PDB file of N, CA and C in Angstrom:
ATOM      1  N   UNK A   1      -0.574   6.480   4.303  1.00  0.00           N
ATOM      2  CA  UNK A   1      -0.045   5.301   3.669  1.00  0.00           C
ATOM      3  C   UNK A   1      -1.146   4.262   3.567  1.00  0.00           C
ATOM      4  N   UNK A   2      -2.118   4.231   4.441  1.00  0.00           N
ATOM      5  CA  UNK A   2      -3.137   3.223   4.402  1.00  0.00           C
ATOM      6  C   UNK A   2      -3.879   3.388   3.043  1.00  0.00           C
ATOM      7  N   UNK A   3      -4.208   4.574   2.733  1.00  0.00           N
ATOM      8  CA  UNK A   3      -4.949   4.764   1.472  1.00  0.00           C
ATOM      9  C   UNK A   3      -4.179   4.343   0.162  1.00  0.00           C
ATOM     10  N   UNK A   4      -2.948   4.686   0.149  1.00  0.00           N
ATOM     11  CA  UNK A   4      -2.104   4.266  -0.945  1.00  0.00           C
ATOM     12  C   UNK A   4      -1.979   2.750  -1.030  1.00  0.00           C
ATOM     13  N   UNK A   5      -1.800   2.103   0.118  1.00  0.00           N
ATOM     14  CA  UNK A   5      -1.722   0.643   0.154  1.00  0.00           C
ATOM     15  C   UNK A   5      -3.034   0.086  -0.303  1.00  0.00           C
ATOM     16  N   UNK A   6      -4.195   0.600   0.150  1.00  0.00           N
ATOM     17  CA  UNK A   6      -5.498   0.150  -0.306  1.00  0.00           C
ATOM     18  C   UNK A   6      -5.592   0.233  -1.825  1.00  0.00           C
ATOM     19  N   UNK A   7      -5.202   1.356  -2.344  1.00  0.00           N
ATOM     20  CA  UNK A   7      -5.212   1.613  -3.756  1.00  0.00           C
ATOM     21  C   UNK A   7      -4.376   0.573  -4.610  1.00  0.00           C
ATOM     22  N   UNK A   8      -3.224   0.312  -4.078  1.00  0.00           N
ATOM     23  CA  UNK A   8      -2.370  -0.668  -4.667  1.00  0.00           C
ATOM     24  C   UNK A   8      -3.038  -2.011  -4.612  1.00  0.00           C
ATOM     25  N   UNK A   9      -3.523  -2.423  -3.409  1.00  0.00           N
ATOM     26  CA  UNK A   9      -4.151  -3.773  -3.326  1.00  0.00           C
ATOM     27  C   UNK A   9      -5.445  -3.881  -4.253  1.00  0.00           C
ATOM     28  N   UNK A  10      -6.108  -2.846  -4.294  1.00  0.00           N
ATOM     29  CA  UNK A  10      -7.333  -2.854  -5.127  1.00  0.00           C
ATOM     30  C   UNK A  10      -7.108  -2.941  -6.639  1.00  0.00           C
ATOM     31  N   UNK A  11      -6.128  -2.142  -7.050  1.00  0.00           N
ATOM     32  CA  UNK A  11      -5.794  -2.129  -8.511  1.00  0.00           C
ATOM     33  C   UNK A  11      -5.135  -3.411  -8.959  1.00  0.00           C
ATOM     34  N   UNK A  12      -4.416  -4.182  -8.099  1.00  0.00           N
ATOM     35  CA  UNK A  12      -3.734  -5.419  -8.376  1.00  0.00           C
ATOM     36  C   UNK A  12      -4.496  -6.627  -7.915  1.00  0.00           C
ATOM     37  N   UNK A  13      -5.784  -6.432  -7.645  1.00  0.00           N
ATOM     38  CA  UNK A  13      -6.563  -7.591  -7.230  1.00  0.00           C
ATOM     39  C   UNK A  13      -5.963  -8.415  -6.048  1.00  0.00           C
ATOM     40  N   UNK A  14      -5.290  -7.772  -5.166  1.00  0.00           N
ATOM     41  CA  UNK A  14      -4.613  -8.465  -3.990  1.00  0.00           C
ATOM     42  C   UNK A  14      -5.499  -8.570  -2.785  1.00  0.00           C
ATOM     43  N   UNK A  15      -6.655  -7.842  -2.801  1.00  0.00           N
ATOM     44  CA  UNK A  15      -7.454  -7.870  -1.616  1.00  0.00           C
ATOM     45  C   UNK A  15      -8.847  -7.476  -2.008  1.00  0.00           C
ATOM     46  N   UNK A  16      -9.818  -7.839  -1.287  1.00  0.00           N
ATOM     47  CA  UNK A  16     -11.250  -7.438  -1.406  1.00  0.00           C
ATOM     48  C   UNK A  16     -11.405  -6.253  -0.411  1.00  0.00           C
ATOM     49  N   UNK A  17     -11.676  -5.133  -0.918  1.00  0.00           N
ATOM     50  CA  UNK A  17     -11.857  -3.963  -0.026  1.00  0.00           C
ATOM     51  C   UNK A  17     -13.258  -3.757   0.308  1.00  0.00           C
ATOM     52  N   UNK A  18     -13.454  -3.792   1.644  1.00  0.00           N
ATOM     53  CA  UNK A  18     -14.842  -3.763   2.286  1.00  0.00           C
ATOM     54  C   UNK A  18     -15.006  -2.422   3.036  1.00  0.00           C
ATOM     55  N   UNK A  19     -16.124  -1.906   2.959  1.00  0.00           N
ATOM     56  CA  UNK A  19     -16.487  -0.659   3.770  1.00  0.00           C
ATOM     57  C   UNK A  19     -16.970   0.546   2.911  1.00  0.00           C
ATOM     58  N   UNK A  20     -16.414   1.647   3.038  1.00  0.00           N
ATOM     59  CA  UNK A  20     -16.890   2.817   2.291  1.00  0.00           C
ATOM     60  C   UNK A  20     -15.675   3.341   1.495  1.00  0.00           C
ATOM     61  N   UNK A  21     -16.004   4.236   0.532  1.00  0.00           N
ATOM     62  CA  UNK A  21     -14.943   4.813  -0.320  1.00  0.00           C
ATOM     63  C   UNK A  21     -13.857   5.526   0.577  1.00  0.00           C
ATOM     64  N   UNK A  22     -12.574   5.383   0.277  1.00  0.00           N
ATOM     65  CA  UNK A  22     -11.594   6.138   1.099  1.00  0.00           C
ATOM     66  C   UNK A  22     -11.671   7.574   0.846  1.00  0.00           C
ATOM     67  N   UNK A  23     -10.960   8.293   1.613  1.00  0.00           N
ATOM     68  CA  UNK A  23     -11.080   9.881   1.631  1.00  0.00           C
ATOM     69  C   UNK A  23     -10.504  10.479   0.336  1.00  0.00           C
ATOM     70  N   UNK A  24      -9.601   9.850  -0.341  1.00  0.00           N
ATOM     71  CA  UNK A  24      -9.045  10.474  -1.573  1.00  0.00           C
ATOM     72  C   UNK A  24      -8.158  11.718  -1.135  1.00  0.00           C
ATOM     73  N   UNK A  25      -7.368  11.558  -0.089  1.00  0.00           N
ATOM     74  CA  UNK A  25      -6.538  12.610   0.374  1.00  0.00           C
ATOM     75  C   UNK A  25      -5.139  12.106   0.422  1.00  0.00           C
ATOM     76  N   UNK A  26      -4.358  12.206  -0.600  1.00  0.00           N
ATOM     77  CA  UNK A  26      -3.064  11.569  -0.675  1.00  0.00           C
ATOM     78  C   UNK A  26      -1.981  12.483  -0.983  1.00  0.00           C
ATOM     79  N   UNK A  27      -2.255  13.864  -1.071  1.00  0.00           N
ATOM     80  CA  UNK A  27      -1.234  14.808  -1.360  1.00  0.00           C
ATOM     81  C   UNK A  27      -0.317  14.968  -0.235  1.00  0.00           C
ATOM     82  N   UNK A  28       1.008  15.047  -0.516  1.00  0.00           N
ATOM     83  CA  UNK A  28       2.001  15.358   0.486  1.00  0.00           C
ATOM     84  C   UNK A  28       2.381  16.835   0.282  1.00  0.00           C
ATOM     85  N   UNK A  29       2.627  17.522   1.412  1.00  0.00           N
ATOM     86  CA  UNK A  29       2.886  18.950   1.307  1.00  0.00           C
ATOM     87  C   UNK A  29       3.997  19.410   2.308  1.00  0.00           C
ATOM     88  N   UNK A  30       4.255  20.691   2.127  1.00  0.00           N
ATOM     89  CA  UNK A  30       5.276  21.295   3.022  1.00  0.00           C
ATOM     90  C   UNK A  30       4.635  22.448   3.706  1.00  0.00           C
ATOM     91  N   UNK A  31       4.796  22.696   4.936  1.00  0.00           N
ATOM     92  CA  UNK A  31       4.159  23.736   5.744  1.00  0.00           C
ATOM     93  C   UNK A  31       5.090  24.910   5.918  1.00  0.00           C
ATOM     94  N   UNK A  32       4.674  26.065   5.695  1.00  0.00           N
ATOM     95  CA  UNK A  32       5.485  27.255   5.979  1.00  0.00           C
ATOM     96  C   UNK A  32       4.830  28.139   6.971  1.00  0.00           C
ATOM     97  N   UNK A  33       5.620  28.439   8.096  1.00  0.00           N
ATOM     98  CA  UNK A  33       5.078  29.273   9.181  1.00  0.00           C
ATOM     99  C   UNK A  33       4.900  30.618   8.638  1.00  0.00           C
ATOM    100  N   UNK A  34       3.724  31.198   8.810  1.00  0.00           N
ATOM    101  CA  UNK A  34       3.418  32.588   8.366  1.00  0.00           C
ATOM    102  C   UNK A  34       3.363  33.586   9.467  1.00  0.00           C
ATOM    103  N   UNK A  35       3.515  33.174  10.683  1.00  0.00           N
ATOM    104  CA  UNK A  35       3.446  34.131  11.818  1.00  0.00           C
ATOM    105  C   UNK A  35       2.040  34.037  12.390  1.00  0.00           C
ATOM    106  N   UNK A  36       1.799  34.613  13.543  1.00  0.00           N
ATOM    107  CA  UNK A  36       0.449  34.692  14.188  1.00  0.00           C
ATOM    108  C   UNK A  36      -0.174  33.260  14.361  1.00  0.00           C
ATOM    109  N   UNK A  37       0.698  32.253  14.384  1.00  0.00           N
ATOM    110  CA  UNK A  37       0.185  30.833  14.482  1.00  0.00           C
ATOM    111  C   UNK A  37      -0.400  30.230  13.201  1.00  0.00           C
ATOM    112  N   UNK A  38      -0.127  30.932  12.106  1.00  0.00           N
ATOM    113  CA  UNK A  38      -0.718  30.457  10.814  1.00  0.00           C
ATOM    114  C   UNK A  38       0.345  29.616  10.112  1.00  0.00           C
ATOM    115  N   UNK A  39      -0.001  28.624   9.379  1.00  0.00           N
ATOM    116  CA  UNK A  39       0.811  27.870   8.598  1.00  0.00           C
ATOM    117  C   UNK A  39       0.230  27.691   7.209  1.00  0.00           C
ATOM    118  N   UNK A  40       0.932  27.893   6.181  1.00  0.00           N
ATOM    119  CA  UNK A  40       0.601  27.798   4.771  1.00  0.00           C
ATOM    120  C   UNK A  40       1.121  26.402   4.295  1.00  0.00           C
ATOM    121  N   UNK A  41       0.195  25.598   3.947  1.00  0.00           N
ATOM    122  CA  UNK A  41       0.632  24.225   3.488  1.00  0.00           C
ATOM    123  C   UNK A  41       0.518  24.103   1.975  1.00  0.00           C
ATOM    124  N   UNK A  42       1.488  23.863   1.274  1.00  0.00           N
ATOM    125  CA  UNK A  42       1.480  23.733  -0.171  1.00  0.00           C
ATOM    126  C   UNK A  42       1.699  22.295  -0.579  1.00  0.00           C
ATOM    127  N   UNK A  43       0.864  21.738  -1.447  1.00  0.00           N
ATOM    128  CA  UNK A  43       1.063  20.340  -1.903  1.00  0.00           C
ATOM    129  C   UNK A  43       2.258  20.307  -2.858  1.00  0.00           C
ATOM    130  N   UNK A  44       3.098  19.323  -2.646  1.00  0.00           N
ATOM    131  CA  UNK A  44       4.299  19.190  -3.552  1.00  0.00           C
ATOM    132  C   UNK A  44       4.433  17.841  -4.148  1.00  0.00           C
ATOM    133  N   UNK A  45       3.640  16.821  -3.684  1.00  0.00           N
ATOM    134  CA  UNK A  45       3.702  15.396  -4.215  1.00  0.00           C
ATOM    135  C   UNK A  45       2.385  14.845  -4.135  1.00  0.00           C
ATOM    136  N   UNK A  46       2.150  13.985  -5.142  1.00  0.00           N
ATOM    137  CA  UNK A  46       0.931  13.174  -5.029  1.00  0.00           C
ATOM    138  C   UNK A  46       1.238  11.696  -5.330  1.00  0.00           C
ATOM    139  N   UNK A  47       0.298  10.902  -5.183  1.00  0.00           N
ATOM    140  CA  UNK A  47       0.521   9.408  -5.391  1.00  0.00           C
ATOM    141  C   UNK A  47      -0.221   9.005  -6.612  1.00  0.00           C
ATOM    142  N   UNK A  48       0.403   8.275  -7.528  1.00  0.00           N
ATOM    143  CA  UNK A  48      -0.247   7.677  -8.658  1.00  0.00           C
ATOM    144  C   UNK A  48      -0.024   6.208  -8.567  1.00  0.00           C
ATOM    145  N   UNK A  49      -1.109   5.483  -9.005  1.00  0.00           N
ATOM    146  CA  UNK A  49      -0.989   4.017  -9.024  1.00  0.00           C
ATOM    147  C   UNK A  49      -0.095   3.559 -10.178  1.00  0.00           C
ATOM    148  N   UNK A  50       0.268   2.304 -10.154  1.00  0.00           N
ATOM    149  CA  UNK A  50       1.112   1.899 -11.291  1.00  0.00           C
ATOM    150  C   UNK A  50       0.497   2.062 -12.727  1.00  0.00           C
ATOM    151  N   UNK A  51      -0.809   2.112 -12.717  1.00  0.00           N
ATOM    152  CA  UNK A  51      -1.421   2.377 -14.015  1.00  0.00           C
ATOM    153  C   UNK A  51      -1.586   3.826 -14.294  1.00  0.00           C
ATOM    154  N   UNK A  52      -1.095   4.717 -13.459  1.00  0.00           N
ATOM    155  CA  UNK A  52      -1.110   6.117 -13.662  1.00  0.00           C
ATOM    156  C   UNK A  52      -2.326   6.912 -13.177  1.00  0.00           C
ATOM    157  N   UNK A  53      -3.186   6.182 -12.425  1.00  0.00           N
ATOM    158  CA  UNK A  53      -4.374   6.801 -11.827  1.00  0.00           C
ATOM    159  C   UNK A  53      -3.960   7.582 -10.511  1.00  0.00           C
ATOM    160  N   UNK A  54      -4.736   8.621 -10.341  1.00  0.00           N
ATOM    161  CA  UNK A  54      -4.453   9.307  -8.990  1.00  0.00           C
ATOM    162  C   UNK A  54      -5.683   9.049  -8.031  1.00  0.00           C
ATOM    163  N   UNK A  55      -5.442   8.937  -6.762  1.00  0.00           N
ATOM    164  CA  UNK A  55      -6.466   8.798  -5.793  1.00  0.00           C
ATOM    165  C   UNK A  55      -6.928  10.118  -5.258  1.00  0.00           C
ATOM    166  N   UNK A  56      -6.243  11.120  -5.494  1.00  0.00           N
ATOM    167  CA  UNK A  56      -6.554  12.446  -4.915  1.00  0.00           C
ATOM    168  C   UNK A  56      -7.887  12.987  -5.334  1.00  0.00           C
ATOM    169  N   UNK A  57      -8.742  13.104  -4.393  1.00  0.00           N
ATOM    170  CA  UNK A  57     -10.168  13.582  -4.679  1.00  0.00           C
ATOM    171  C   UNK A  57     -11.084  12.491  -5.170  1.00  0.00           C
ATOM    172  N   UNK A  58     -10.523  11.252  -5.308  1.00  0.00           N
ATOM    173  CA  UNK A  58     -11.446  10.176  -5.866  1.00  0.00           C
ATOM    174  C   UNK A  58     -11.463   9.021  -4.743  1.00  0.00           C
ATOM    175  N   UNK A  59     -10.436   8.729  -4.254  1.00  0.00           N
ATOM    176  CA  UNK A  59     -10.344   7.616  -3.172  1.00  0.00           C
ATOM    177  C   UNK A  59     -10.409   6.231  -3.962  1.00  0.00           C
ATOM    178  N   UNK A  60     -10.596   5.194  -3.106  1.00  0.00           N
ATOM    179  CA  UNK A  60     -10.738   3.852  -3.530  1.00  0.00           C
ATOM    180  C   UNK A  60     -12.078   3.356  -3.260  1.00  0.00           C
ATOM    181  N   UNK A  61     -12.855   2.905  -4.249  1.00  0.00           N
ATOM    182  CA  UNK A  61     -14.254   2.374  -4.041  1.00  0.00           C
ATOM    183  C   UNK A  61     -14.045   0.964  -3.624  1.00  0.00           C
ATOM    184  N   UNK A  62     -14.787   0.612  -2.551  1.00  0.00           N
ATOM    185  CA  UNK A  62     -14.655  -0.860  -2.099  1.00  0.00           C
ATOM    186  C   UNK A  62     -15.539  -1.752  -3.016  1.00  0.00           C
ATOM    187  N   UNK A  63     -15.166  -3.052  -2.888  1.00  0.00           N
ATOM    188  CA  UNK A  63     -15.955  -4.148  -3.627  1.00  0.00           C
ATOM    189  C   UNK A  63     -17.294  -4.083  -2.984  1.00  0.00           C
ATOM    190  N   UNK A  64     -17.496  -4.723  -1.904  1.00  0.00           N
ATOM    191  CA  UNK A  64     -18.861  -4.598  -1.265  1.00  0.00           C
ATOM    192  C   UNK A  64     -18.833  -3.355  -0.360  1.00  0.00           C
ATOM    193  N   UNK A  65     -19.756  -2.410  -0.772  1.00  0.00           N
ATOM    194  CA  UNK A  65     -19.957  -1.155   0.039  1.00  0.00           C
ATOM    195  C   UNK A  65     -20.746  -1.639   1.331  1.00  0.00           C
ATOM    196  N   UNK A  66     -20.132  -1.282   2.498  1.00  0.00           N
ATOM    197  CA  UNK A  66     -20.808  -1.591   3.820  1.00  0.00           C
ATOM    198  C   UNK A  66     -20.654  -0.262   4.515  1.00  0.00           C
ATOM    199  N   UNK A  67     -21.716   0.398   4.807  1.00  0.00           N
ATOM    200  CA  UNK A  67     -21.731   1.660   5.510  1.00  0.00           C
ATOM    201  C   UNK A  67     -21.448   1.437   6.958  1.00  0.00           C
ATOM    202  N   UNK A  68     -20.896   2.455   7.617  1.00  0.00           N
ATOM    203  CA  UNK A  68     -20.687   2.398   9.027  1.00  0.00           C
ATOM    204  C   UNK A  68     -22.051   2.626   9.701  1.00  0.00           C
ATOM    205  N   UNK A  69     -22.370   1.753  10.650  1.00  0.00           N
ATOM    206  CA  UNK A  69     -23.675   1.818  11.342  1.00  0.00           C
ATOM    207  C   UNK A  69     -23.497   1.980  12.842  1.00  0.00           C
ATOM    208  N   UNK A  70     -23.708   3.198  13.393  1.00  0.00           N
ATOM    209  CA  UNK A  70     -23.602   3.472  14.839  1.00  0.00           C
ATOM    210  C   UNK A  70     -24.564   2.545  15.605  1.00  0.00           C
ATOM    211  N   UNK A  71     -25.764   2.383  15.052  1.00  0.00           N
ATOM    212  CA  UNK A  71     -26.716   1.561  15.734  1.00  0.00           C
ATOM    213  C   UNK A  71     -26.287   0.067  15.867  1.00  0.00           C
ATOM    214  N   UNK A  72     -25.696  -0.426  14.814  1.00  0.00           N
ATOM    215  CA  UNK A  72     -25.133  -1.758  14.798  1.00  0.00           C
ATOM    216  C   UNK A  72     -23.988  -1.914  15.744  1.00  0.00           C
ATOM    217  N   UNK A  73     -23.195  -0.846  15.772  1.00  0.00           N
ATOM    218  CA  UNK A  73     -22.075  -0.837  16.730  1.00  0.00           C
ATOM    219  C   UNK A  73     -22.447  -0.928  18.236  1.00  0.00           C
ATOM    220  N   UNK A  74     -23.696  -0.433  18.488  1.00  0.00           N
ATOM    221  CA  UNK A  74     -24.160  -0.465  19.892  1.00  0.00           C
ATOM    222  C   UNK A  74     -24.467  -1.887  20.333  1.00  0.00           C
ATOM    223  N   UNK A  75     -24.565  -2.874  19.304  1.00  0.00           N
ATOM    224  CA  UNK A  75     -24.752  -4.281  19.619  1.00  0.00           C
ATOM    225  C   UNK A  75     -23.431  -4.980  19.982  1.00  0.00           C
ATOM    226  N   UNK A  76     -22.401  -4.184  19.850  1.00  0.00           N
ATOM    227  CA  UNK A  76     -21.069  -4.752  20.151  1.00  0.00           C
ATOM    228  C   UNK A  76     -20.362  -5.259  18.863  1.00  0.00           C
ATOM    229  N   UNK A  77     -20.940  -4.974  17.742  1.00  0.00           N
ATOM    230  CA  UNK A  77     -20.389  -5.595  16.427  1.00  0.00           C
ATOM    231  C   UNK A  77     -20.223  -4.336  15.509  1.00  0.00           C
ATOM    232  N   UNK A  78     -19.251  -4.599  14.577  1.00  0.00           N
ATOM    233  CA  UNK A  78     -18.950  -3.567  13.577  1.00  0.00           C
ATOM    234  C   UNK A  78     -19.265  -4.120  12.223  1.00  0.00           C
ATOM    235  N   UNK A  79     -20.312  -3.561  11.511  1.00  0.00           N
ATOM    236  CA  UNK A  79     -20.835  -4.103  10.309  1.00  0.00           C
ATOM    237  C   UNK A  79     -19.796  -4.316   9.287  1.00  0.00           C
ATOM    238  N   UNK A  80     -18.831  -3.480   9.156  1.00  0.00           N
ATOM    239  CA  UNK A  80     -17.725  -3.566   8.103  1.00  0.00           C
ATOM    240  C   UNK A  80     -16.849  -4.752   8.470  1.00  0.00           C
ATOM    241  N   UNK A  81     -16.419  -4.825   9.747  1.00  0.00           N
ATOM    242  CA  UNK A  81     -15.525  -5.928  10.111  1.00  0.00           C
ATOM    243  C   UNK A  81     -16.291  -7.270  10.002  1.00  0.00           C
ATOM    244  N   UNK A  82     -17.561  -7.293  10.397  1.00  0.00           N
ATOM    245  CA  UNK A  82     -18.329  -8.539  10.236  1.00  0.00           C
ATOM    246  C   UNK A  82     -18.380  -9.047   8.853  1.00  0.00           C
ATOM    247  N   UNK A  83     -18.698  -8.026   7.925  1.00  0.00           N
ATOM    248  CA  UNK A  83     -18.678  -8.420   6.420  1.00  0.00           C
ATOM    249  C   UNK A  83     -17.432  -8.914   5.954  1.00  0.00           C
ATOM    250  N   UNK A  84     -16.316  -8.193   6.299  1.00  0.00           N
ATOM    251  CA  UNK A  84     -14.959  -8.584   5.868  1.00  0.00           C
ATOM    252  C   UNK A  84     -14.621  -9.970   6.482  1.00  0.00           C
ATOM    253  N   UNK A  85     -14.995 -10.271   7.704  1.00  0.00           N
ATOM    254  CA  UNK A  85     -14.771 -11.607   8.239  1.00  0.00           C
ATOM    255  C   UNK A  85     -15.492 -12.679   7.658  1.00  0.00           C
ATOM    256  N   UNK A  86     -16.692 -12.389   7.240  1.00  0.00           N
ATOM    257  CA  UNK A  86     -17.509 -13.340   6.427  1.00  0.00           C
ATOM    258  C   UNK A  86     -16.906 -13.623   5.128  1.00  0.00           C
ATOM    259  N   UNK A  87     -16.348 -12.632   4.412  1.00  0.00           N
ATOM    260  CA  UNK A  87     -15.721 -12.826   3.127  1.00  0.00           C
ATOM    261  C   UNK A  87     -14.456 -13.650   3.300  1.00  0.00           C
ATOM    262  N   UNK A  88     -13.687 -13.327   4.340  1.00  0.00           N
ATOM    263  CA  UNK A  88     -12.412 -14.036   4.582  1.00  0.00           C
ATOM    264  C   UNK A  88     -12.758 -15.513   4.824  1.00  0.00           C
ATOM    265  N   UNK A  89     -13.700 -15.830   5.652  1.00  0.00           N
ATOM    266  CA  UNK A  89     -14.060 -17.210   5.949  1.00  0.00           C
ATOM    267  C   UNK A  89     -14.324 -18.069   4.697  1.00  0.00           C
ATOM    268  N   UNK A  90     -14.900 -17.526   3.717  1.00  0.00           N
ATOM    269  CA  UNK A  90     -15.274 -18.241   2.561  1.00  0.00           C
ATOM    270  C   UNK A  90     -14.444 -17.987   1.333  1.00  0.00           C
ATOM    271  N   UNK A  91     -13.288 -17.427   1.526  1.00  0.00           N
ATOM    272  CA  UNK A  91     -12.276 -17.116   0.474  1.00  0.00           C
ATOM    273  C   UNK A  91     -11.612 -18.371   0.117  1.00  0.00           C
TER     274      UNK A  91
END
């Protein structure tokens, strides 16, 4: 749901998306038990934005791209949250 909400907010200019591109995995499926602990999952539904675009395999590209930084995280800060907070303060 988070990815579809992000896609909706992005497409309708309701939010500034900060971070990295989302995964692009929005298919819903049904699982069938096949025996021996195996499950066959078949996609049966996808999400389309109001303009008809699909996020599957594409994801949502953020406005300012801010990569995750493990080194920065060691300082006790998250680069993506810091950038989003900065944008929100000056909005």
